[in-house]
Structure formats: structure tokens, C-alpha cells
Amino acid sequence: MATVELTTANFDEVAGGDGIVLVDFWAEWCGPCKRFAPVYERSSDKHPDIVFGKVDTEAQQELGAKFDIRSIPTIMAIRDGVIVFAQPGALPESALENLIEQVQGLDMDDVRKKLAEHKH
């Protein structure tokens, strides 16, 4: 599956649903972003059950600000509408695959329980 361009208009709809959404915050002028792009695309081909989104931080500055993106590329993983991972830096392909496996293996009931405990 090709990557999906995420904007302020569609981000909440795409990221708020069930399943896994990976988000690559990037910019055209960013060398590491350009080097990471083919890795991200290959991974999207391997995992048709996951939404691979891209946020152009130049065109979507509001989203960059909303998620406090200070360095790009930044990779974010969202599962069932919950942000479960966010880290700046391009990942090697093996690390991206490992991240996907970890997100797939999460017990989301446990994640929600821990989030609820932190809010009190």
C-alpha cells in the first residue's frame, strides 16, 4: 500500500480509527528524510494492513506544532487512536520492522489502563 499524505483535514480521521497508523514527519529539504523515504515505502509494501502516513512539516505546520515535532524525520506509531511511540531520527529498515512487531504485539487494554492511571 502506498503511503497516505496526512493533513490537518484528514489526520484525526485516519489516525483515530482502529488498527495501526505509522506517521513519518518529514520535509523536502531534509536529507535524512529523503534517505529514509525508500525504507518507509518498502515497509508499507510489506504491511498492507497498516496505514503508512506522511506529514510534510512545511505544508502542515499546524500538525508539526500540535505534536511538538522539533526534529525530522520523526516517526510516530498510533494504534487504535493511541500514540504508542514517537521518536525523532530515521530508522534503519530492521529497526522499523522491529517497531512494527512491537506495536502489533501491544495489549491495548493494558496500554489504556496505564494511560488512565497516569491521568489521575
PDB file of N, CA and C in Angstrom:
ATOM      1  N   MET A   1       0.854  -1.185   0.000  1.00  0.00           N
ATOM      2  CA  MET A   1       0.000   0.000   0.000  1.00  0.00           C
ATOM      3  C   MET A   1       0.896   1.243   0.000  1.00  0.00           C
ATOM      4  N   ALA A   2       0.570   2.170  -0.846  1.00  0.00           N
ATOM      5  CA  ALA A   2       1.342   3.409  -0.910  1.00  0.00           C
ATOM      6  C   ALA A   2       1.092   4.226   0.354  1.00  0.00           C
ATOM      7  N   THR A   3       1.995   5.143   0.615  1.00  0.00           N
ATOM      8  CA  THR A   3       1.826   5.998   1.781  1.00  0.00           C
ATOM      9  C   THR A   3       0.699   7.004   1.520  1.00  0.00           C
ATOM     10  N   VAL A   4       0.114   7.475   2.604  1.00  0.00           N
ATOM     11  CA  VAL A   4      -1.002   8.407   2.563  1.00  0.00           C
ATOM     12  C   VAL A   4      -0.511   9.765   3.047  1.00  0.00           C
ATOM     13  N   GLU A   5      -0.818  10.811   2.303  1.00  0.00           N
ATOM     14  CA  GLU A   5      -0.460  12.152   2.759  1.00  0.00           C
ATOM     15  C   GLU A   5      -1.442  12.572   3.840  1.00  0.00           C
ATOM     16  N   LEU A   6      -0.911  12.929   4.991  1.00  0.00           N
ATOM     17  CA  LEU A   6      -1.753  13.358   6.102  1.00  0.00           C
ATOM     18  C   LEU A   6      -1.711  14.875   6.217  1.00  0.00           C
ATOM     19  N   THR A   7      -2.891  15.446   6.426  1.00  0.00           N
ATOM     20  CA  THR A   7      -3.036  16.894   6.546  1.00  0.00           C
ATOM     21  C   THR A   7      -3.890  17.197   7.778  1.00  0.00           C
ATOM     22  N   THR A   8      -4.016  18.469   8.095  1.00  0.00           N
ATOM     23  CA  THR A   8      -4.886  18.834   9.219  1.00  0.00           C
ATOM     24  C   THR A   8      -6.321  18.392   8.931  1.00  0.00           C
ATOM     25  N   ALA A   9      -6.695  18.313   7.654  1.00  0.00           N
ATOM     26  CA  ALA A   9      -8.061  17.945   7.286  1.00  0.00           C
ATOM     27  C   ALA A   9      -8.353  16.457   7.508  1.00  0.00           C
ATOM     28  N   ASN A  10      -7.357  15.576   7.323  1.00  0.00           N
ATOM     29  CA  ASN A  10      -7.650  14.143   7.415  1.00  0.00           C
ATOM     30  C   ASN A  10      -6.927  13.411   8.544  1.00  0.00           C
ATOM     31  N   PHE A  11      -6.026  14.084   9.259  1.00  0.00           N
ATOM     32  CA  PHE A  11      -5.204  13.394  10.254  1.00  0.00           C
ATOM     33  C   PHE A  11      -6.044  12.684  11.314  1.00  0.00           C
ATOM     34  N   ASP A  12      -6.953  13.395  11.957  1.00  0.00           N
ATOM     35  CA  ASP A  12      -7.728  12.792  13.049  1.00  0.00           C
ATOM     36  C   ASP A  12      -8.565  11.622  12.559  1.00  0.00           C
ATOM     37  N   GLU A  13      -9.111  11.738  11.369  1.00  0.00           N
ATOM     38  CA  GLU A  13      -9.930  10.660  10.809  1.00  0.00           C
ATOM     39  C   GLU A  13      -9.073   9.418  10.554  1.00  0.00           C
ATOM     40  N   VAL A  14      -7.914   9.606   9.950  1.00  0.00           N
ATOM     41  CA  VAL A  14      -7.036   8.477   9.624  1.00  0.00           C
ATOM     42  C   VAL A  14      -6.433   7.881  10.893  1.00  0.00           C
ATOM     43  N   ALA A  15      -5.916   8.716  11.776  1.00  0.00           N
ATOM     44  CA  ALA A  15      -5.191   8.240  12.955  1.00  0.00           C
ATOM     45  C   ALA A  15      -6.100   7.840  14.108  1.00  0.00           C
ATOM     46  N   GLY A  16      -7.355   8.245  14.066  1.00  0.00           N
ATOM     47  CA  GLY A  16      -8.247   7.994  15.191  1.00  0.00           C
ATOM     48  C   GLY A  16      -8.982   6.675  15.138  1.00  0.00           C
ATOM     49  N   GLY A  17      -8.835   5.943  14.051  1.00  0.00           N
ATOM     50  CA  GLY A  17      -9.574   4.692  13.903  1.00  0.00           C
ATOM     51  C   GLY A  17      -8.862   3.511  14.520  1.00  0.00           C
ATOM     52  N   ASP A  18      -9.452   2.333  14.334  1.00  0.00           N
ATOM     53  CA  ASP A  18      -8.840   1.102  14.814  1.00  0.00           C
ATOM     54  C   ASP A  18      -7.669   0.728  13.918  1.00  0.00           C
ATOM     55  N   GLY A  19      -6.748  -0.039  14.470  1.00  0.00           N
ATOM     56  CA  GLY A  19      -5.610  -0.504  13.693  1.00  0.00           C
ATOM     57  C   GLY A  19      -4.378   0.349  13.944  1.00  0.00           C
ATOM     58  N   ILE A  20      -3.360   0.076  13.125  1.00  0.00           N
ATOM     59  CA  ILE A  20      -2.067   0.731  13.298  1.00  0.00           C
ATOM     60  C   ILE A  20      -1.847   1.768  12.205  1.00  0.00           C
ATOM     61  N   VAL A  21      -1.409   2.941  12.624  1.00  0.00           N
ATOM     62  CA  VAL A  21      -1.041   4.011  11.693  1.00  0.00           C
ATOM     63  C   VAL A  21       0.379   4.443  12.056  1.00  0.00           C
ATOM     64  N   LEU A  22       1.277   4.384  11.086  1.00  0.00           N
ATOM     65  CA  LEU A  22       2.620   4.935  11.272  1.00  0.00           C
ATOM     66  C   LEU A  22       2.664   6.284  10.583  1.00  0.00           C
ATOM     67  N   VAL A  23       3.313   7.239  11.199  1.00  0.00           N
ATOM     68  CA  VAL A  23       3.383   8.585  10.638  1.00  0.00           C
ATOM     69  C   VAL A  23       4.849   8.998  10.541  1.00  0.00           C
ATOM     70  N   ASP A  24       5.220   9.453   9.351  1.00  0.00           N
ATOM     71  CA  ASP A  24       6.564   9.973   9.089  1.00  0.00           C
ATOM     72  C   ASP A  24       6.437  11.487   8.928  1.00  0.00           C
ATOM     73  N   PHE A  25       6.962  12.237   9.901  1.00  0.00           N
ATOM     74  CA  PHE A  25       7.012  13.694   9.795  1.00  0.00           C
ATOM     75  C   PHE A  25       8.303  14.033   9.055  1.00  0.00           C
ATOM     76  N   TRP A  26       8.195  14.733   7.932  1.00  0.00           N
ATOM     77  CA  TRP A  26       9.347  14.972   7.057  1.00  0.00           C
ATOM     78  C   TRP A  26       9.239  16.346   6.404  1.00  0.00           C
ATOM     79  N   ALA A  27      10.275  16.716   5.648  1.00  0.00           N
ATOM     80  CA  ALA A  27      10.260  17.935   4.836  1.00  0.00           C
ATOM     81  C   ALA A  27      11.131  17.706   3.603  1.00  0.00           C
ATOM     82  N   GLU A  28      10.806  18.420   2.544  1.00  0.00           N
ATOM     83  CA  GLU A  28      11.507  18.278   1.271  1.00  0.00           C
ATOM     84  C   GLU A  28      12.997  18.589   1.390  1.00  0.00           C
ATOM     85  N   TRP A  29      13.368  19.552   2.232  1.00  0.00           N
ATOM     86  CA  TRP A  29      14.764  19.995   2.354  1.00  0.00           C
ATOM     87  C   TRP A  29      15.604  19.102   3.263  1.00  0.00           C
ATOM     88  N   CYS A  30      14.998  18.104   3.879  1.00  0.00           N
ATOM     89  CA  CYS A  30      15.656  17.288   4.901  1.00  0.00           C
ATOM     90  C   CYS A  30      16.335  16.064   4.280  1.00  0.00           C
ATOM     91  N   GLY A  31      17.680  16.066   4.290  1.00  0.00           N
ATOM     92  CA  GLY A  31      18.444  14.955   3.726  1.00  0.00           C
ATOM     93  C   GLY A  31      18.125  13.605   4.358  1.00  0.00           C
ATOM     94  N   PRO A  32      18.164  13.501   5.708  1.00  0.00           N
ATOM     95  CA  PRO A  32      17.832  12.214   6.335  1.00  0.00           C
ATOM     96  C   PRO A  32      16.408  11.751   5.999  1.00  0.00           C
ATOM     97  N   CYS A  33      15.482  12.707   5.834  1.00  0.00           N
ATOM     98  CA  CYS A  33      14.103  12.351   5.465  1.00  0.00           C
ATOM     99  C   CYS A  33      14.084  11.677   4.097  1.00  0.00           C
ATOM    100  N   LYS A  34      14.837  12.256   3.162  1.00  0.00           N
ATOM    101  CA  LYS A  34      14.878  11.702   1.801  1.00  0.00           C
ATOM    102  C   LYS A  34      15.519  10.318   1.784  1.00  0.00           C
ATOM    103  N   ARG A  35      16.531  10.113   2.620  1.00  0.00           N
ATOM    104  CA  ARG A  35      17.172   8.793   2.689  1.00  0.00           C
ATOM    105  C   ARG A  35      16.254   7.767   3.350  1.00  0.00           C
ATOM    106  N   PHE A  36      15.419   8.201   4.278  1.00  0.00           N
ATOM    107  CA  PHE A  36      14.505   7.298   4.981  1.00  0.00           C
ATOM    108  C   PHE A  36      13.283   6.932   4.124  1.00  0.00           C
ATOM    109  N   ALA A  37      12.895   7.807   3.211  1.00  0.00           N
ATOM    110  CA  ALA A  37      11.674   7.604   2.421  1.00  0.00           C
ATOM    111  C   ALA A  37      11.596   6.237   1.735  1.00  0.00           C
ATOM    112  N   PRO A  38      12.650   5.754   1.052  1.00  0.00           N
ATOM    113  CA  PRO A  38      12.549   4.433   0.410  1.00  0.00           C
ATOM    114  C   PRO A  38      12.381   3.286   1.413  1.00  0.00           C
ATOM    115  N   VAL A  39      12.986   3.416   2.593  1.00  0.00           N
ATOM    116  CA  VAL A  39      12.829   2.405   3.645  1.00  0.00           C
ATOM    117  C   VAL A  39      11.367   2.349   4.070  1.00  0.00           C
ATOM    118  N   TYR A  40      10.781   3.516   4.268  1.00  0.00           N
ATOM    119  CA  TYR A  40       9.380   3.636   4.693  1.00  0.00           C
ATOM    120  C   TYR A  40       8.454   3.059   3.621  1.00  0.00           C
ATOM    121  N   GLU A  41       8.729   3.373   2.359  1.00  0.00           N
ATOM    122  CA  GLU A  41       7.921   2.853   1.248  1.00  0.00           C
ATOM    123  C   GLU A  41       7.990   1.328   1.177  1.00  0.00           C
ATOM    124  N   ARG A  42       9.194   0.762   1.298  1.00  0.00           N
ATOM    125  CA  ARG A  42       9.344  -0.706   1.257  1.00  0.00           C
ATOM    126  C   ARG A  42       8.553  -1.350   2.382  1.00  0.00           C
ATOM    127  N   SER A  43       8.607  -0.750   3.556  1.00  0.00           N
ATOM    128  CA  SER A  43       7.880  -1.292   4.698  1.00  0.00           C
ATOM    129  C   SER A  43       6.372  -1.213   4.452  1.00  0.00           C
ATOM    130  N   SER A  44       5.921  -0.144   3.815  1.00  0.00           N
ATOM    131  CA  SER A  44       4.485  -0.011   3.531  1.00  0.00           C
ATOM    132  C   SER A  44       4.029  -1.107   2.567  1.00  0.00           C
ATOM    133  N   ASP A  45       4.911  -1.524   1.652  1.00  0.00           N
ATOM    134  CA  ASP A  45       4.573  -2.612   0.728  1.00  0.00           C
ATOM    135  C   ASP A  45       4.468  -3.947   1.461  1.00  0.00           C
ATOM    136  N   LYS A  46       5.265  -4.126   2.514  1.00  0.00           N
ATOM    137  CA  LYS A  46       5.273  -5.385   3.266  1.00  0.00           C
ATOM    138  C   LYS A  46       4.083  -5.518   4.211  1.00  0.00           C
ATOM    139  N   HIS A  47       3.483  -4.393   4.592  1.00  0.00           N
ATOM    140  CA  HIS A  47       2.428  -4.395   5.619  1.00  0.00           C
ATOM    141  C   HIS A  47       1.161  -3.696   5.107  1.00  0.00           C
ATOM    142  N   PRO A  48       0.411  -4.364   4.221  1.00  0.00           N
ATOM    143  CA  PRO A  48      -0.792  -3.733   3.672  1.00  0.00           C
ATOM    144  C   PRO A  48      -1.885  -3.491   4.709  1.00  0.00           C
ATOM    145  N   ASP A  49      -1.764  -4.126   5.875  1.00  0.00           N
ATOM    146  CA  ASP A  49      -2.765  -3.965   6.937  1.00  0.00           C
ATOM    147  C   ASP A  49      -2.505  -2.728   7.800  1.00  0.00           C
ATOM    148  N   ILE A  50      -1.386  -2.035   7.560  1.00  0.00           N
ATOM    149  CA  ILE A  50      -1.021  -0.849   8.338  1.00  0.00           C
ATOM    150  C   ILE A  50      -1.101   0.375   7.442  1.00  0.00           C
ATOM    151  N   VAL A  51      -1.611   1.477   7.991  1.00  0.00           N
ATOM    152  CA  VAL A  51      -1.621   2.742   7.251  1.00  0.00           C
ATOM    153  C   VAL A  51      -0.276   3.427   7.476  1.00  0.00           C
ATOM    154  N   PHE A  52       0.403   3.759   6.390  1.00  0.00           N
ATOM    155  CA  PHE A  52       1.666   4.493   6.446  1.00  0.00           C
ATOM    156  C   PHE A  52       1.387   5.911   5.975  1.00  0.00           C
ATOM    157  N   GLY A  53       1.407   6.850   6.907  1.00  0.00           N
ATOM    158  CA  GLY A  53       1.121   8.237   6.577  1.00  0.00           C
ATOM    159  C   GLY A  53       2.378   9.081   6.589  1.00  0.00           C
ATOM    160  N   LYS A  54       2.331  10.173   5.832  1.00  0.00           N
ATOM    161  CA  LYS A  54       3.444  11.122   5.788  1.00  0.00           C
ATOM    162  C   LYS A  54       2.881  12.520   6.033  1.00  0.00           C
ATOM    163  N   VAL A  55       3.564  13.268   6.886  1.00  0.00           N
ATOM    164  CA  VAL A  55       3.188  14.657   7.148  1.00  0.00           C
ATOM    165  C   VAL A  55       4.344  15.545   6.694  1.00  0.00           C
ATOM    166  N   ASP A  56       4.090  16.354   5.682  1.00  0.00           N
ATOM    167  CA  ASP A  56       5.061  17.344   5.221  1.00  0.00           C
ATOM    168  C   ASP A  56       5.007  18.501   6.217  1.00  0.00           C
ATOM    169  N   THR A  57       6.037  18.607   7.048  1.00  0.00           N
ATOM    170  CA  THR A  57       6.009  19.596   8.127  1.00  0.00           C
ATOM    171  C   THR A  57       6.049  21.035   7.623  1.00  0.00           C
ATOM    172  N   GLU A  58       6.476  21.239   6.382  1.00  0.00           N
ATOM    173  CA  GLU A  58       6.446  22.589   5.807  1.00  0.00           C
ATOM    174  C   GLU A  58       5.015  22.969   5.430  1.00  0.00           C
ATOM    175  N   ALA A  59       4.314  22.049   4.789  1.00  0.00           N
ATOM    176  CA  ALA A  59       2.944  22.324   4.343  1.00  0.00           C
ATOM    177  C   ALA A  59       1.943  22.204   5.487  1.00  0.00           C
ATOM    178  N   GLN A  60       2.273  21.392   6.492  1.00  0.00           N
ATOM    179  CA  GLN A  60       1.344  21.118   7.599  1.00  0.00           C
ATOM    180  C   GLN A  60       1.953  21.557   8.929  1.00  0.00           C
ATOM    181  N   GLN A  61       2.307  22.829   9.007  1.00  0.00           N
ATOM    182  CA  GLN A  61       2.982  23.331  10.207  1.00  0.00           C
ATOM    183  C   GLN A  61       2.122  23.192  11.454  1.00  0.00           C
ATOM    184  N   GLU A  62       0.816  23.260  11.284  1.00  0.00           N
ATOM    185  CA  GLU A  62      -0.096  23.122  12.421  1.00  0.00           C
ATOM    186  C   GLU A  62       0.032  21.728  13.055  1.00  0.00           C
ATOM    187  N   LEU A  63       0.154  20.685  12.215  1.00  0.00           N
ATOM    188  CA  LEU A  63       0.321  19.325  12.749  1.00  0.00           C
ATOM    189  C   LEU A  63       1.674  19.174  13.429  1.00  0.00           C
ATOM    190  N   GLY A  64       2.713  19.741  12.834  1.00  0.00           N
ATOM    191  CA  GLY A  64       4.032  19.701  13.460  1.00  0.00           C
ATOM    192  C   GLY A  64       4.003  20.334  14.840  1.00  0.00           C
ATOM    193  N   ALA A  65       3.300  21.455  14.956  1.00  0.00           N
ATOM    194  CA  ALA A  65       3.190  22.145  16.243  1.00  0.00           C
ATOM    195  C   ALA A  65       2.336  21.337  17.224  1.00  0.00           C
ATOM    196  N   LYS A  66       1.236  20.770  16.737  1.00  0.00           N
ATOM    197  CA  LYS A  66       0.329  20.002  17.596  1.00  0.00           C
ATOM    198  C   LYS A  66       1.063  18.865  18.290  1.00  0.00           C
ATOM    199  N   PHE A  67       1.972  18.210  17.554  1.00  0.00           N
ATOM    200  CA  PHE A  67       2.692  17.065  18.112  1.00  0.00           C
ATOM    201  C   PHE A  67       4.103  17.426  18.576  1.00  0.00           C
ATOM    202  N   ASP A  68       4.387  18.724  18.634  1.00  0.00           N
ATOM    203  CA  ASP A  68       5.662  19.228  19.150  1.00  0.00           C
ATOM    204  C   ASP A  68       6.849  18.595  18.427  1.00  0.00           C
ATOM    205  N   ILE A  69       6.773  18.554  17.105  1.00  0.00           N
ATOM    206  CA  ILE A  69       7.842  17.985  16.296  1.00  0.00           C
ATOM    207  C   ILE A  69       8.961  19.018  16.212  1.00  0.00           C
ATOM    208  N   ARG A  70      10.115  18.670  16.761  1.00  0.00           N
ATOM    209  CA  ARG A  70      11.253  19.593  16.804  1.00  0.00           C
ATOM    210  C   ARG A  70      12.395  19.131  15.914  1.00  0.00           C
ATOM    211  N   SER A  71      12.356  17.876  15.493  1.00  0.00           N
ATOM    212  CA  SER A  71      13.414  17.311  14.676  1.00  0.00           C
ATOM    213  C   SER A  71      12.777  16.360  13.671  1.00  0.00           C
ATOM    214  N   ILE A  72      13.281  16.387  12.450  1.00  0.00           N
ATOM    215  CA  ILE A  72      12.744  15.477  11.448  1.00  0.00           C
ATOM    216  C   ILE A  72      13.873  14.700  10.800  1.00  0.00           C
ATOM    217  N   PRO A  73      13.606  13.489  10.356  1.00  0.00           N
ATOM    218  CA  PRO A  73      12.292  12.850  10.431  1.00  0.00           C
ATOM    219  C   PRO A  73      11.946  12.445  11.866  1.00  0.00           C
ATOM    220  N   THR A  74      10.675  12.427  12.165  1.00  0.00           N
ATOM    221  CA  THR A  74      10.160  11.854  13.399  1.00  0.00           C
ATOM    222  C   THR A  74       9.160  10.780  13.002  1.00  0.00           C
ATOM    223  N   ILE A  75       9.283   9.620  13.623  1.00  0.00           N
ATOM    224  CA  ILE A  75       8.363   8.521  13.370  1.00  0.00           C
ATOM    225  C   ILE A  75       7.425   8.400  14.556  1.00  0.00           C
ATOM    226  N   MET A  76       6.127   8.287  14.257  1.00  0.00           N
ATOM    227  CA  MET A  76       5.120   8.122  15.293  1.00  0.00           C
ATOM    228  C   MET A  76       4.310   6.876  14.963  1.00  0.00           C
ATOM    229  N   ALA A  77       4.003   6.098  15.991  1.00  0.00           N
ATOM    230  CA  ALA A  77       3.140   4.932  15.816  1.00  0.00           C
ATOM    231  C   ALA A  77       1.871   5.149  16.638  1.00  0.00           C
ATOM    232  N   ILE A  78       0.738   4.937  15.991  1.00  0.00           N
ATOM    233  CA  ILE A  78      -0.563   5.107  16.632  1.00  0.00           C
ATOM    234  C   ILE A  78      -1.312   3.792  16.482  1.00  0.00           C
ATOM    235  N   ARG A  79      -1.846   3.292  17.575  1.00  0.00           N
ATOM    236  CA  ARG A  79      -2.645   2.072  17.487  1.00  0.00           C
ATOM    237  C   ARG A  79      -3.985   2.323  18.158  1.00  0.00           C
ATOM    238  N   ASP A  80      -5.034   2.039  17.429  1.00  0.00           N
ATOM    239  CA  ASP A  80      -6.403   2.230  17.922  1.00  0.00           C
ATOM    240  C   ASP A  80      -6.608   3.640  18.482  1.00  0.00           C
ATOM    241  N   GLY A  81      -6.024   4.623  17.797  1.00  0.00           N
ATOM    242  CA  GLY A  81      -6.196   6.017  18.177  1.00  0.00           C
ATOM    243  C   GLY A  81      -5.290   6.502  19.295  1.00  0.00           C
ATOM    244  N   VAL A  82      -4.385   5.640  19.796  1.00  0.00           N
ATOM    245  CA  VAL A  82      -3.497   5.995  20.904  1.00  0.00           C
ATOM    246  C   VAL A  82      -2.057   6.070  20.377  1.00  0.00           C
ATOM    247  N   ILE A  83      -1.376   7.185  20.643  1.00  0.00           N
ATOM    248  CA  ILE A  83       0.033   7.299  20.257  1.00  0.00           C
ATOM    249  C   ILE A  83       0.839   6.404  21.195  1.00  0.00           C
ATOM    250  N   VAL A  84       1.487   5.397  20.621  1.00  0.00           N
ATOM    251  CA  VAL A  84       2.239   4.442  21.436  1.00  0.00           C
ATOM    252  C   VAL A  84       3.751   4.581  21.263  1.00  0.00           C
ATOM    253  N   PHE A  85       4.184   5.413  20.301  1.00  0.00           N
ATOM    254  CA  PHE A  85       5.605   5.602  20.051  1.00  0.00           C
ATOM    255  C   PHE A  85       5.799   6.885  19.264  1.00  0.00           C
ATOM    256  N   ALA A  86       6.808   7.649  19.608  1.00  0.00           N
ATOM    257  CA  ALA A  86       7.204   8.817  18.821  1.00  0.00           C
ATOM    258  C   ALA A  86       8.678   9.083  19.104  1.00  0.00           C
ATOM    259  N   GLN A  87       9.467   9.131  18.024  1.00  0.00           N
ATOM    260  CA  GLN A  87      10.905   9.328  18.201  1.00  0.00           C
ATOM    261  C   GLN A  87      11.491   9.990  16.962  1.00  0.00           C
ATOM    262  N   PRO A  88      12.314  11.021  17.172  1.00  0.00           N
ATOM    263  CA  PRO A  88      12.986  11.621  16.020  1.00  0.00           C
ATOM    264  C   PRO A  88      14.117  10.725  15.523  1.00  0.00           C
ATOM    265  N   GLY A  89      14.413  10.864  14.252  1.00  0.00           N
ATOM    266  CA  GLY A  89      15.530  10.132  13.658  1.00  0.00           C
ATOM    267  C   GLY A  89      15.057   9.091  12.667  1.00  0.00           C
ATOM    268  N   ALA A  90      15.781   8.969  11.574  1.00  0.00           N
ATOM    269  CA  ALA A  90      15.491   7.953  10.578  1.00  0.00           C
ATOM    270  C   ALA A  90      15.868   6.594  11.144  1.00  0.00           C
ATOM    271  N   LEU A  91      15.001   5.627  10.962  1.00  0.00           N
ATOM    272  CA  LEU A  91      15.266   4.281  11.452  1.00  0.00           C
ATOM    273  C   LEU A  91      15.812   3.403  10.337  1.00  0.00           C
ATOM    274  N   PRO A  92      16.773   2.539  10.639  1.00  0.00           N
ATOM    275  CA  PRO A  92      17.162   1.544   9.655  1.00  0.00           C
ATOM    276  C   PRO A  92      15.978   0.589   9.440  1.00  0.00           C
ATOM    277  N   GLU A  93      15.969  -0.086   8.310  1.00  0.00           N
ATOM    278  CA  GLU A  93      14.837  -0.953   7.976  1.00  0.00           C
ATOM    279  C   GLU A  93      14.565  -1.989   9.063  1.00  0.00           C
ATOM    280  N   SER A  94      15.609  -2.583   9.626  1.00  0.00           N
ATOM    281  CA  SER A  94      15.412  -3.609  10.661  1.00  0.00           C
ATOM    282  C   SER A  94      14.746  -3.012  11.905  1.00  0.00           C
ATOM    283  N   ALA A  95      15.125  -1.792  12.265  1.00  0.00           N
ATOM    284  CA  ALA A  95      14.530  -1.140  13.442  1.00  0.00           C
ATOM    285  C   ALA A  95      13.071  -0.779  13.179  1.00  0.00           C
ATOM    286  N   LEU A  96      12.748  -0.362  11.961  1.00  0.00           N
ATOM    287  CA  LEU A  96      11.365  -0.046  11.617  1.00  0.00           C
ATOM    288  C   LEU A  96      10.510  -1.311  11.686  1.00  0.00           C
ATOM    289  N   GLU A  97      11.029  -2.416  11.171  1.00  0.00           N
ATOM    290  CA  GLU A  97      10.303  -3.688  11.230  1.00  0.00           C
ATOM    291  C   GLU A  97      10.121  -4.130  12.682  1.00  0.00           C
ATOM    292  N   ASN A  98      11.139  -3.926  13.507  1.00  0.00           N
ATOM    293  CA  ASN A  98      11.052  -4.269  14.922  1.00  0.00           C
ATOM    294  C   ASN A  98       9.989  -3.419  15.617  1.00  0.00           C
ATOM    295  N   LEU A  99       9.947  -2.135  15.299  1.00  0.00           N
ATOM    296  CA  LEU A  99       8.934  -1.245  15.857  1.00  0.00           C
ATOM    297  C   LEU A  99       7.533  -1.748  15.495  1.00  0.00           C
ATOM    298  N   ILE A 100       7.346  -2.111  14.228  1.00  0.00           N
ATOM    299  CA  ILE A 100       6.041  -2.601  13.782  1.00  0.00           C
ATOM    300  C   ILE A 100       5.638  -3.852  14.563  1.00  0.00           C
ATOM    301  N   GLU A 101       6.576  -4.783  14.737  1.00  0.00           N
ATOM    302  CA  GLU A 101       6.289  -6.000  15.502  1.00  0.00           C
ATOM    303  C   GLU A 101       5.892  -5.664  16.935  1.00  0.00           C
ATOM    304  N   GLN A 102       6.595  -4.716  17.547  1.00  0.00           N
ATOM    305  CA  GLN A 102       6.278  -4.341  18.931  1.00  0.00           C
ATOM    306  C   GLN A 102       4.895  -3.711  19.026  1.00  0.00           C
ATOM    307  N   VAL A 103       4.564  -2.844  18.082  1.00  0.00           N
ATOM    308  CA  VAL A 103       3.248  -2.195  18.105  1.00  0.00           C
ATOM    309  C   VAL A 103       2.145  -3.228  17.871  1.00  0.00           C
ATOM    310  N   GLN A 104       2.395  -4.170  16.964  1.00  0.00           N
ATOM    311  CA  GLN A 104       1.413  -5.229  16.713  1.00  0.00           C
ATOM    312  C   GLN A 104       1.202  -6.094  17.950  1.00  0.00           C
ATOM    313  N   GLY A 105       2.248  -6.270  18.757  1.00  0.00           N
ATOM    314  CA  GLY A 105       2.169  -7.133  19.926  1.00  0.00           C
ATOM    315  C   GLY A 105       1.620  -6.478  21.181  1.00  0.00           C
ATOM    316  N   LEU A 106       1.333  -5.198  21.118  1.00  0.00           N
ATOM    317  CA  LEU A 106       0.839  -4.495  22.313  1.00  0.00           C
ATOM    318  C   LEU A 106      -0.530  -5.009  22.753  1.00  0.00           C
ATOM    319  N   ASP A 107      -0.710  -5.081  24.056  1.00  0.00           N
ATOM    320  CA  ASP A 107      -2.017  -5.358  24.647  1.00  0.00           C
ATOM    321  C   ASP A 107      -2.660  -3.985  24.879  1.00  0.00           C
ATOM    322  N   MET A 108      -3.563  -3.611  23.988  1.00  0.00           N
ATOM    323  CA  MET A 108      -4.114  -2.251  24.044  1.00  0.00           C
ATOM    324  C   MET A 108      -4.973  -2.010  25.282  1.00  0.00           C
ATOM    325  N   ASP A 109      -5.577  -3.050  25.842  1.00  0.00           N
ATOM    326  CA  ASP A 109      -6.317  -2.869  27.091  1.00  0.00           C
ATOM    327  C   ASP A 109      -5.359  -2.458  28.202  1.00  0.00           C
ATOM    328  N   ASP A 110      -4.186  -3.083  28.218  1.00  0.00           N
ATOM    329  CA  ASP A 110      -3.160  -2.747  29.207  1.00  0.00           C
ATOM    330  C   ASP A 110      -2.643  -1.321  28.980  1.00  0.00           C
ATOM    331  N   VAL A 111      -2.422  -0.952  27.712  1.00  0.00           N
ATOM    332  CA  VAL A 111      -1.951   0.398  27.385  1.00  0.00           C
ATOM    333  C   VAL A 111      -2.957   1.442  27.870  1.00  0.00           C
ATOM    334  N   ARG A 112      -4.238   1.225  27.583  1.00  0.00           N
ATOM    335  CA  ARG A 112      -5.280   2.180  28.006  1.00  0.00           C
ATOM    336  C   ARG A 112      -5.348   2.270  29.525  1.00  0.00           C
ATOM    337  N   LYS A 113      -5.200   1.122  30.198  1.00  0.00           N
ATOM    338  CA  LYS A 113      -5.236   1.095  31.670  1.00  0.00           C
ATOM    339  C   LYS A 113      -4.097   1.931  32.236  1.00  0.00           C
ATOM    340  N   LYS A 114      -2.893   1.756  31.678  1.00  0.00           N
ATOM    341  CA  LYS A 114      -1.730   2.521  32.157  1.00  0.00           C
ATOM    342  C   LYS A 114      -1.897   4.016  31.867  1.00  0.00           C
ATOM    343  N   LEU A 115      -2.471   4.357  30.723  1.00  0.00           N
ATOM    344  CA  LEU A 115      -2.726   5.763  30.417  1.00  0.00           C
ATOM    345  C   LEU A 115      -3.703   6.358  31.414  1.00  0.00           C
ATOM    346  N   ALA A 116      -4.726   5.620  31.735  1.00  0.00           N
ATOM    347  CA  ALA A 116      -5.738   6.093  32.698  1.00  0.00           C
ATOM    348  C   ALA A 116      -5.108   6.312  34.066  1.00  0.00           C
ATOM    349  N   GLU A 117      -4.189   5.422  34.467  1.00  0.00           N
ATOM    350  CA  GLU A 117      -3.514   5.562  35.757  1.00  0.00           C
ATOM    351  C   GLU A 117      -2.656   6.830  35.812  1.00  0.00           C
ATOM    352  N   HIS A 118      -2.042   7.175  34.686  1.00  0.00           N
ATOM    353  CA  HIS A 118      -1.181   8.364  34.634  1.00  0.00           C
ATOM    354  C   HIS A 118      -1.975   9.661  34.652  1.00  0.00           C
ATOM    355  N   LYS A 119      -3.226   9.605  34.241  1.00  0.00           N
ATOM    356  CA  LYS A 119      -4.053  10.816  34.204  1.00  0.00           C
ATOM    357  C   LYS A 119      -4.583  11.187  35.587  1.00  0.00           C
ATOM    358  N   HIS A 120      -4.545  10.251  36.525  1.00  0.00           N
ATOM    359  CA  HIS A 120      -5.080  10.537  37.871  1.00  0.00           C
ATOM    360  C   HIS A 120      -4.041  11.091  38.790  1.00  0.00           C
TER     361      HIS A 120
END
